[in-house]
Amino acid sequence: MKKKRAIVLTLVILLITLLGSAVASFFTNKGYNEKRNITVLFYNVENLFDLENEEGKQDGEFTPEGTKKWTFERYQKKLDDISKVISSVNQYELPEIVGLCEVENRKVLEDLVVTGKLTEGNYEIEHFESPDFRGIDCAFIYRPKEFTVTESHAIKVSFKDEPDYVTRDILYVKGKTNNREEFHIYVNHWPSRIGGVEKTEPKRVEVAQILKTHIDSVTKANPKAHILVMGDMNDEPSNKSLDIELFAKNPLTDNEDLLNLMYPDHLNGIGSYNYRGNWNMLDNIVVSEGLLDKKGFQVEDKKGHIFSEEWMEYKNNDGEISPNRTYGGPNYYGGISDHFPVYFRMKR
């Protein structure tokens, strides 16, 4: 009899706990309508490679026998960590639109979208192999119940004065939300600053010009087109490539065709990447002005945000915080990425 009472009591406690959790969840989500919200995220995931030494790519270091000793356990941890980051940005639901860079191929994307909570999103993939000598590409994943892709292709990047120089293509995706709003999306990873910011700036300026030409062709056909540009530009909002060539201005103070949602944080000294103790806003999100009006989807807060949690951070002996990276040279640190992701939410 006592045993039966104990079992009944245990079941009653369990039922009360589950009921309490359901009620708490109801009130937590009260006021949030999944059909009227879209979360857009961009993340430089820092060298997401598989274990294979692929012919034509300089990826031999990312193998079990390579200098980085890239094992299955390390690869799986990387997938688990990236999945946790993406699924933690919005407490209510998974992001509908996600741009990524520094991914090796479609296989790593297929592995990622079935890892952890991302499995629940049934994400689909847009990806094209780019000519980057290391084999790292831009990619786009999305939840098909919330966003439908109608067209995608790679925009080739070449340089007039240095035609043999190769870099990542720009990934272009056109699609529609459930309320039939059409978006033209560009995922970018511009040439790095290795060799010096000033010396390498002309290449990023030229990529910005290529991107602007494509955007202009879209807006010429439809002046009210929704434009969404995201990526690791290796430049900050106030640099020439973004501020002058792309002409993407501050959404809190300017009224231009293109607005950089990361400009406000940049002006406040906040960044997504830390180089030798200095924060840089290298990860940018640019939108057309129509996404800041009061029609259809509009950007909440009129700005973008950086997502970071303590479990994504590294703190040195002086208490200074930076993104906890996976590698430093050949040394394995076990972190997630050397960048923090940037995001914004749209609501209608």
Protein backbone atom coordinates (compact mmCIF):
# COMPACT_ATOMS: atom_id res chain seq x y z
CA MET A 1 0.00 0.00 0.00
CA LYS A 2 2.77 2.42 0.92
CA LYS A 3 4.52 1.58 -2.31
CA LYS A 4 1.38 2.34 -4.34
CA ARG A 5 0.92 5.64 -2.50
CA ALA A 6 4.53 6.58 -3.27
CA ILE A 7 4.01 5.82 -6.97
CA VAL A 8 0.78 7.83 -7.06
CA LEU A 9 2.46 10.74 -5.26
CA THR A 10 5.35 10.66 -7.71
CA LEU A 11 2.96 10.71 -10.68
CA VAL A 12 1.00 13.61 -9.16
CA ILE A 13 4.21 15.62 -8.64
CA LEU A 14 5.30 14.87 -12.20
CA LEU A 15 1.91 15.96 -13.58
CA ILE A 16 2.00 19.20 -11.58
CA THR A 17 5.54 19.90 -12.83
CA LEU A 18 4.57 19.32 -16.47
CA LEU A 19 1.42 21.41 -16.09
CA GLY A 20 3.40 24.22 -14.47
CA SER A 21 5.95 24.11 -17.27
CA ALA A 22 3.20 24.28 -19.90
CA VAL A 23 1.54 27.24 -18.19
CA ALA A 24 4.89 29.04 -17.84
CA SER A 25 5.62 28.40 -21.53
CA PHE A 26 2.21 29.80 -22.47
CA PHE A 27 2.77 33.06 -20.63
CA THR A 28 6.38 33.31 -21.82
CA ASN A 29 5.28 33.05 -25.46
CA LYS A 30 2.19 35.23 -24.99
CA GLY A 31 2.36 38.07 -27.46
CA TYR A 32 4.84 36.33 -29.78
CA ASN A 33 3.29 35.27 -33.06
CA GLU A 34 5.54 32.95 -35.07
CA LYS A 35 3.75 33.81 -38.31
CA ARG A 36 4.39 37.52 -37.83
CA ASN A 37 8.07 37.33 -36.86
CA ILE A 38 11.23 36.45 -38.79
CA THR A 39 14.71 36.17 -37.32
CA VAL A 40 17.64 36.74 -39.70
CA LEU A 41 21.10 35.60 -38.62
CA PHE A 42 24.58 35.75 -40.12
CA TYR A 43 27.48 33.72 -38.69
CA ASN A 44 31.11 33.29 -39.70
CA VAL A 45 31.59 29.80 -38.26
CA GLU A 46 35.41 29.74 -38.57
CA ASN A 47 36.56 26.94 -40.83
CA LEU A 48 33.80 24.34 -40.78
CA PHE A 49 35.60 21.55 -42.64
CA ASP A 50 34.83 17.86 -42.98
CA LEU A 51 37.53 15.23 -42.43
CA GLU A 52 38.36 14.56 -46.09
CA ASN A 53 41.34 15.92 -48.02
CA GLU A 54 39.45 17.10 -51.10
CA GLU A 55 41.32 17.32 -54.38
CA GLY A 56 41.82 20.87 -55.61
CA LYS A 57 41.48 22.42 -52.16
CA GLN A 58 44.16 23.33 -49.65
CA ASP A 59 42.33 21.62 -46.81
CA GLY A 60 44.85 18.96 -45.84
CA GLU A 61 45.41 20.52 -42.42
CA PHE A 62 41.77 19.75 -41.57
CA THR A 63 42.17 15.98 -41.54
CA PRO A 64 43.00 13.55 -38.72
CA GLU A 65 46.56 13.31 -40.08
CA GLY A 66 46.90 17.04 -40.80
CA THR A 67 48.61 19.70 -38.71
CA LYS A 68 45.38 20.55 -36.92
CA LYS A 69 44.59 16.91 -36.04
CA TRP A 70 40.99 17.47 -37.12
CA THR A 71 39.25 14.38 -35.74
CA PHE A 72 35.64 13.22 -35.90
CA GLU A 73 35.20 14.13 -32.22
CA ARG A 74 36.38 17.71 -32.87
CA TYR A 75 34.21 17.97 -35.97
CA GLN A 76 31.14 16.75 -34.11
CA LYS A 77 31.79 19.16 -31.24
CA LYS A 78 32.00 22.01 -33.74
CA LEU A 79 28.65 21.01 -35.26
CA ASP A 80 27.05 20.71 -31.82
CA ASP A 81 28.37 24.11 -30.78
CA ILE A 82 27.27 25.93 -33.95
CA SER A 83 23.85 24.31 -33.70
CA LYS A 84 23.54 25.51 -30.11
CA VAL A 85 24.46 29.07 -31.08
CA ILE A 86 21.96 29.27 -33.95
CA SER A 87 19.15 27.72 -31.93
CA SER A 88 19.78 30.02 -28.95
CA VAL A 89 19.42 33.38 -30.73
CA ASN A 90 15.62 33.43 -30.47
CA GLN A 91 14.09 31.89 -27.34
CA TYR A 92 10.74 31.38 -29.08
CA GLU A 93 11.70 29.63 -32.31
CA LEU A 94 14.56 28.79 -34.65
CA PRO A 95 15.79 31.51 -37.05
CA GLU A 96 14.00 31.41 -40.39
CA ILE A 97 16.89 32.83 -42.44
CA VAL A 98 20.57 32.07 -41.76
CA GLY A 99 23.61 33.14 -43.75
CA LEU A 100 26.92 31.38 -43.12
CA CYS A 101 30.49 31.72 -44.27
CA GLU A 102 33.68 29.66 -43.94
CA VAL A 103 31.89 26.39 -44.72
CA GLU A 104 33.75 23.90 -46.88
CA ASN A 105 30.98 22.23 -48.83
CA ARG A 106 27.41 21.03 -48.91
CA LYS A 107 28.22 17.97 -46.80
CA VAL A 108 29.10 20.00 -43.70
CA LEU A 109 25.84 21.93 -44.15
CA GLU A 110 23.87 18.72 -44.42
CA ASP A 111 25.52 17.52 -41.22
CA LEU A 112 24.84 20.83 -39.47
CA VAL A 113 21.11 21.08 -40.20
CA VAL A 114 20.47 17.67 -38.61
CA THR A 115 22.48 18.45 -35.49
CA GLY A 116 20.83 19.26 -32.17
CA LYS A 117 17.76 21.49 -32.17
CA LEU A 118 18.34 22.53 -35.78
CA THR A 119 16.78 19.20 -36.78
CA GLU A 120 13.41 20.63 -35.72
CA GLY A 121 13.70 23.40 -38.33
CA ASN A 122 13.84 21.05 -41.34
CA TYR A 123 16.28 23.51 -42.87
CA GLU A 124 16.96 23.50 -46.59
CA ILE A 125 20.28 24.58 -48.12
CA GLU A 126 21.48 26.93 -50.83
CA HIS A 127 25.18 26.58 -51.60
CA PHE A 128 27.57 26.82 -54.54
CA GLU A 129 31.25 25.89 -54.63
CA SER A 130 33.39 29.01 -54.93
CA PRO A 131 36.94 29.27 -56.31
CA ASP A 132 38.52 30.19 -52.95
CA PHE A 133 41.83 28.33 -52.79
CA ARG A 134 41.15 27.10 -49.24
CA GLY A 135 37.74 25.81 -50.24
CA ILE A 136 35.63 27.97 -47.92
CA ASP A 137 32.27 29.17 -49.22
CA CYS A 138 29.20 31.20 -48.34
CA ALA A 139 25.95 29.37 -47.68
CA PHE A 140 22.30 29.95 -46.86
CA ILE A 141 19.95 27.78 -44.82
CA TYR A 142 16.28 28.48 -44.29
CA ARG A 143 13.08 27.05 -42.86
CA PRO A 144 10.89 26.21 -45.88
CA LYS A 145 7.65 26.53 -43.93
CA GLU A 146 8.45 30.22 -43.40
CA PHE A 147 10.47 31.14 -46.50
CA THR A 148 10.35 29.82 -50.07
CA VAL A 149 13.38 30.15 -52.35
CA THR A 150 12.50 30.93 -55.97
CA GLU A 151 15.99 31.57 -57.39
CA SER A 152 19.64 31.35 -56.35
CA HIS A 153 23.03 31.63 -57.99
CA ALA A 154 26.62 32.62 -57.34
CA ILE A 155 27.77 36.12 -58.29
CA LYS A 156 31.32 35.77 -59.53
CA VAL A 157 33.95 38.13 -58.11
CA SER A 158 36.97 39.10 -60.22
CA PHE A 159 39.44 41.96 -60.04
CA LYS A 160 40.36 44.12 -63.02
CA ASP A 161 43.99 44.70 -62.03
CA GLU A 162 44.57 41.18 -60.69
CA PRO A 163 42.46 38.70 -62.68
CA ASP A 164 44.23 35.64 -61.22
CA TYR A 165 43.28 36.55 -57.65
CA VAL A 166 40.46 34.32 -56.40
CA THR A 167 38.06 34.87 -53.53
CA ARG A 168 34.62 33.80 -52.40
CA ASP A 169 31.62 34.28 -54.67
CA ILE A 170 28.65 36.28 -53.40
CA LEU A 171 25.66 34.00 -52.85
CA TYR A 172 22.42 35.49 -54.18
CA VAL A 173 19.05 34.11 -53.06
CA LYS A 174 15.59 35.35 -54.02
CA GLY A 175 12.57 34.14 -52.14
CA LYS A 176 9.25 34.91 -50.52
CA THR A 177 7.88 34.87 -46.99
CA ASN A 178 4.48 33.38 -46.17
CA ASN A 179 2.78 36.74 -46.67
CA ARG A 180 4.31 36.89 -50.18
CA GLU A 181 6.88 39.60 -49.48
CA GLU A 182 9.82 39.05 -51.81
CA PHE A 183 13.42 39.36 -50.60
CA HIS A 184 16.68 39.62 -52.52
CA ILE A 185 19.39 38.25 -50.22
CA TYR A 186 23.17 38.45 -50.62
CA VAL A 187 25.56 36.40 -48.45
CA ASN A 188 29.13 37.73 -48.50
CA HIS A 189 32.67 37.00 -47.37
CA TRP A 190 34.95 39.71 -48.70
CA PRO A 191 38.78 39.52 -49.04
CA SER A 192 40.65 39.54 -45.74
CA ARG A 193 42.83 42.23 -44.20
CA ILE A 194 45.92 40.02 -44.23
CA GLY A 195 48.74 42.21 -45.52
CA GLY A 196 47.33 45.38 -44.01
CA VAL A 197 43.97 47.16 -43.99
CA GLU A 198 44.95 49.94 -46.40
CA LYS A 199 46.83 47.68 -48.80
CA THR A 200 43.94 45.22 -49.09
CA GLU A 201 41.11 47.79 -49.06
CA PRO A 202 40.91 48.18 -52.87
CA LYS A 203 39.78 44.56 -53.24
CA ARG A 204 36.94 45.00 -50.77
CA VAL A 205 35.98 48.24 -52.50
CA GLU A 206 35.81 46.40 -55.81
CA VAL A 207 33.63 43.64 -54.34
CA ALA A 208 31.33 46.34 -52.94
CA GLN A 209 31.05 47.81 -56.44
CA ILE A 210 30.16 44.41 -57.91
CA LEU A 211 27.51 43.93 -55.24
CA LYS A 212 26.10 47.45 -55.73
CA THR A 213 25.80 46.88 -59.47
CA HIS A 214 23.70 43.76 -58.88
CA ILE A 215 21.53 45.52 -56.28
CA ASP A 216 21.00 48.45 -58.67
CA SER A 217 19.79 46.06 -61.37
CA VAL A 218 17.22 44.64 -58.94
CA THR A 219 15.98 48.01 -57.71
CA LYS A 220 15.82 49.38 -61.25
CA ALA A 221 13.29 46.67 -62.06
CA ASN A 222 11.49 47.18 -58.75
CA PRO A 223 12.34 50.32 -56.76
CA LYS A 224 10.51 48.92 -53.72
CA ALA A 225 12.40 45.61 -53.68
CA HIS A 226 13.41 44.30 -50.26
CA ILE A 227 17.22 44.03 -50.21
CA LEU A 228 19.06 42.10 -47.51
CA VAL A 229 22.87 42.00 -47.53
CA MET A 230 24.79 40.12 -44.85
CA GLY A 231 28.27 38.84 -44.40
CA ASP A 232 31.78 39.09 -43.06
CA MET A 233 32.96 42.03 -45.12
CA ASN A 234 36.31 42.30 -43.33
CA ASP A 235 35.46 46.00 -43.20
CA GLU A 236 33.49 48.07 -40.71
CA PRO A 237 30.38 50.16 -41.46
CA SER A 238 32.39 53.40 -41.65
CA ASN A 239 34.99 52.01 -44.08
CA LYS A 240 34.97 53.10 -47.72
CA SER A 241 33.63 49.83 -49.14
CA LEU A 242 30.42 49.92 -47.08
CA ASP A 243 29.92 53.59 -46.31
CA ILE A 244 30.89 55.11 -49.66
CA GLU A 245 30.72 52.45 -52.38
CA LEU A 246 27.70 50.52 -51.10
CA PHE A 247 26.41 53.74 -49.54
CA ALA A 248 24.89 51.91 -46.55
CA LYS A 249 24.23 54.43 -43.81
CA ASN A 250 23.14 54.59 -40.16
CA PRO A 251 19.47 53.53 -39.76
CA LEU A 252 19.02 55.63 -36.62
CA THR A 253 20.10 58.92 -38.21
CA ASP A 254 19.96 58.60 -42.00
CA ASN A 255 17.29 58.04 -44.61
CA GLU A 256 18.99 56.35 -47.55
CA ASP A 257 18.19 53.52 -49.95
CA LEU A 258 20.49 51.14 -48.02
CA LEU A 259 21.01 51.11 -44.25
CA ASN A 260 23.62 49.18 -42.25
CA LEU A 261 21.91 47.76 -39.17
CA MET A 262 25.29 47.28 -37.42
CA TYR A 263 26.29 50.95 -37.76
CA PRO A 264 24.85 52.03 -34.36
CA ASP A 265 26.79 49.39 -32.40
CA HIS A 266 29.91 50.15 -34.43
CA LEU A 267 29.73 53.82 -33.46
CA ASN A 268 29.45 52.74 -29.82
CA GLY A 269 32.69 50.74 -30.06
CA ILE A 270 30.96 47.35 -30.13
CA GLY A 271 32.18 44.66 -32.51
CA SER A 272 31.69 41.08 -33.65
CA TYR A 273 35.41 40.27 -33.92
CA ASN A 274 38.28 40.99 -31.57
CA TYR A 275 41.77 41.58 -32.98
CA ARG A 276 44.54 42.02 -30.43
CA GLY A 277 42.18 43.46 -27.87
CA ASN A 278 40.34 45.76 -30.29
CA TRP A 279 36.75 45.16 -31.30
CA ASN A 280 35.88 45.37 -35.01
CA MET A 281 32.43 45.24 -36.60
CA LEU A 282 33.45 43.06 -39.52
CA ASP A 283 30.09 41.29 -39.72
CA ASN A 284 27.47 43.51 -41.29
CA ILE A 285 23.77 43.45 -42.14
CA VAL A 286 22.46 45.93 -44.70
CA VAL A 287 18.80 46.35 -45.63
CA SER A 288 16.76 48.53 -47.97
CA GLU A 289 14.86 51.42 -46.43
CA GLY A 290 11.51 49.71 -47.10
CA LEU A 291 12.23 47.35 -44.23
CA LEU A 292 12.18 50.24 -41.78
CA ASP A 293 8.79 51.63 -42.78
CA LYS A 294 5.44 50.59 -41.36
CA LYS A 295 4.34 48.33 -44.19
CA GLY A 296 4.71 44.54 -44.07
CA PHE A 297 7.81 43.20 -42.35
CA GLN A 298 9.88 45.85 -40.59
CA VAL A 299 13.10 45.72 -38.58
CA GLU A 300 12.56 45.73 -34.83
CA ASP A 301 14.56 48.37 -32.95
CA LYS A 302 15.69 49.72 -36.36
CA LYS A 303 19.09 48.09 -35.78
CA GLY A 304 20.95 44.81 -35.68
CA HIS A 305 22.39 42.99 -32.69
CA ILE A 306 25.38 40.84 -31.78
CA PHE A 307 24.61 37.53 -30.11
CA SER A 308 27.01 36.37 -27.41
CA GLU A 309 26.69 34.28 -24.28
CA GLU A 310 29.29 33.39 -21.66
CA TRP A 311 29.65 29.88 -23.06
CA MET A 312 30.71 31.39 -26.41
CA GLU A 313 33.38 33.63 -24.91
CA TYR A 314 37.03 33.44 -23.91
CA LYS A 315 38.27 35.52 -20.99
CA ASN A 316 42.00 36.19 -20.62
CA ASN A 317 43.96 36.81 -17.42
CA ASP A 318 43.09 40.51 -17.56
CA GLY A 319 39.40 39.73 -17.75
CA GLU A 320 39.12 40.80 -21.40
CA ILE A 321 36.50 38.93 -23.41
CA SER A 322 36.67 37.77 -27.02
CA PRO A 323 34.91 35.10 -29.12
CA ASN A 324 36.21 31.69 -28.11
CA ARG A 325 37.82 30.40 -31.29
CA THR A 326 38.32 26.79 -32.39
CA TYR A 327 41.99 27.14 -33.36
CA GLY A 328 44.83 29.57 -32.98
CA GLY A 329 47.30 28.49 -35.65
CA PRO A 330 47.81 24.75 -35.15
CA ASN A 331 46.67 24.95 -31.51
CA TYR A 332 43.24 23.52 -30.74
CA TYR A 333 41.31 25.69 -28.26
CA GLY A 334 37.98 23.92 -28.56
CA GLY A 335 35.92 27.10 -28.97
CA ILE A 336 33.10 27.71 -31.42
CA SER A 337 34.24 30.54 -33.69
CA ASP A 338 36.45 33.62 -33.72
CA HIS A 339 33.38 35.71 -34.63
CA PHE A 340 30.13 36.41 -32.82
CA PRO A 341 27.02 36.13 -35.01
CA VAL A 342 24.93 39.18 -35.90
CA TYR A 343 21.16 39.17 -36.28
CA PHE A 344 17.95 41.15 -36.38
CA ARG A 345 14.27 40.41 -36.10
CA MET A 346 11.49 41.52 -38.42
CA LYS A 347 7.87 41.83 -37.36
CA ARG A 348 4.66 42.65 -39.20
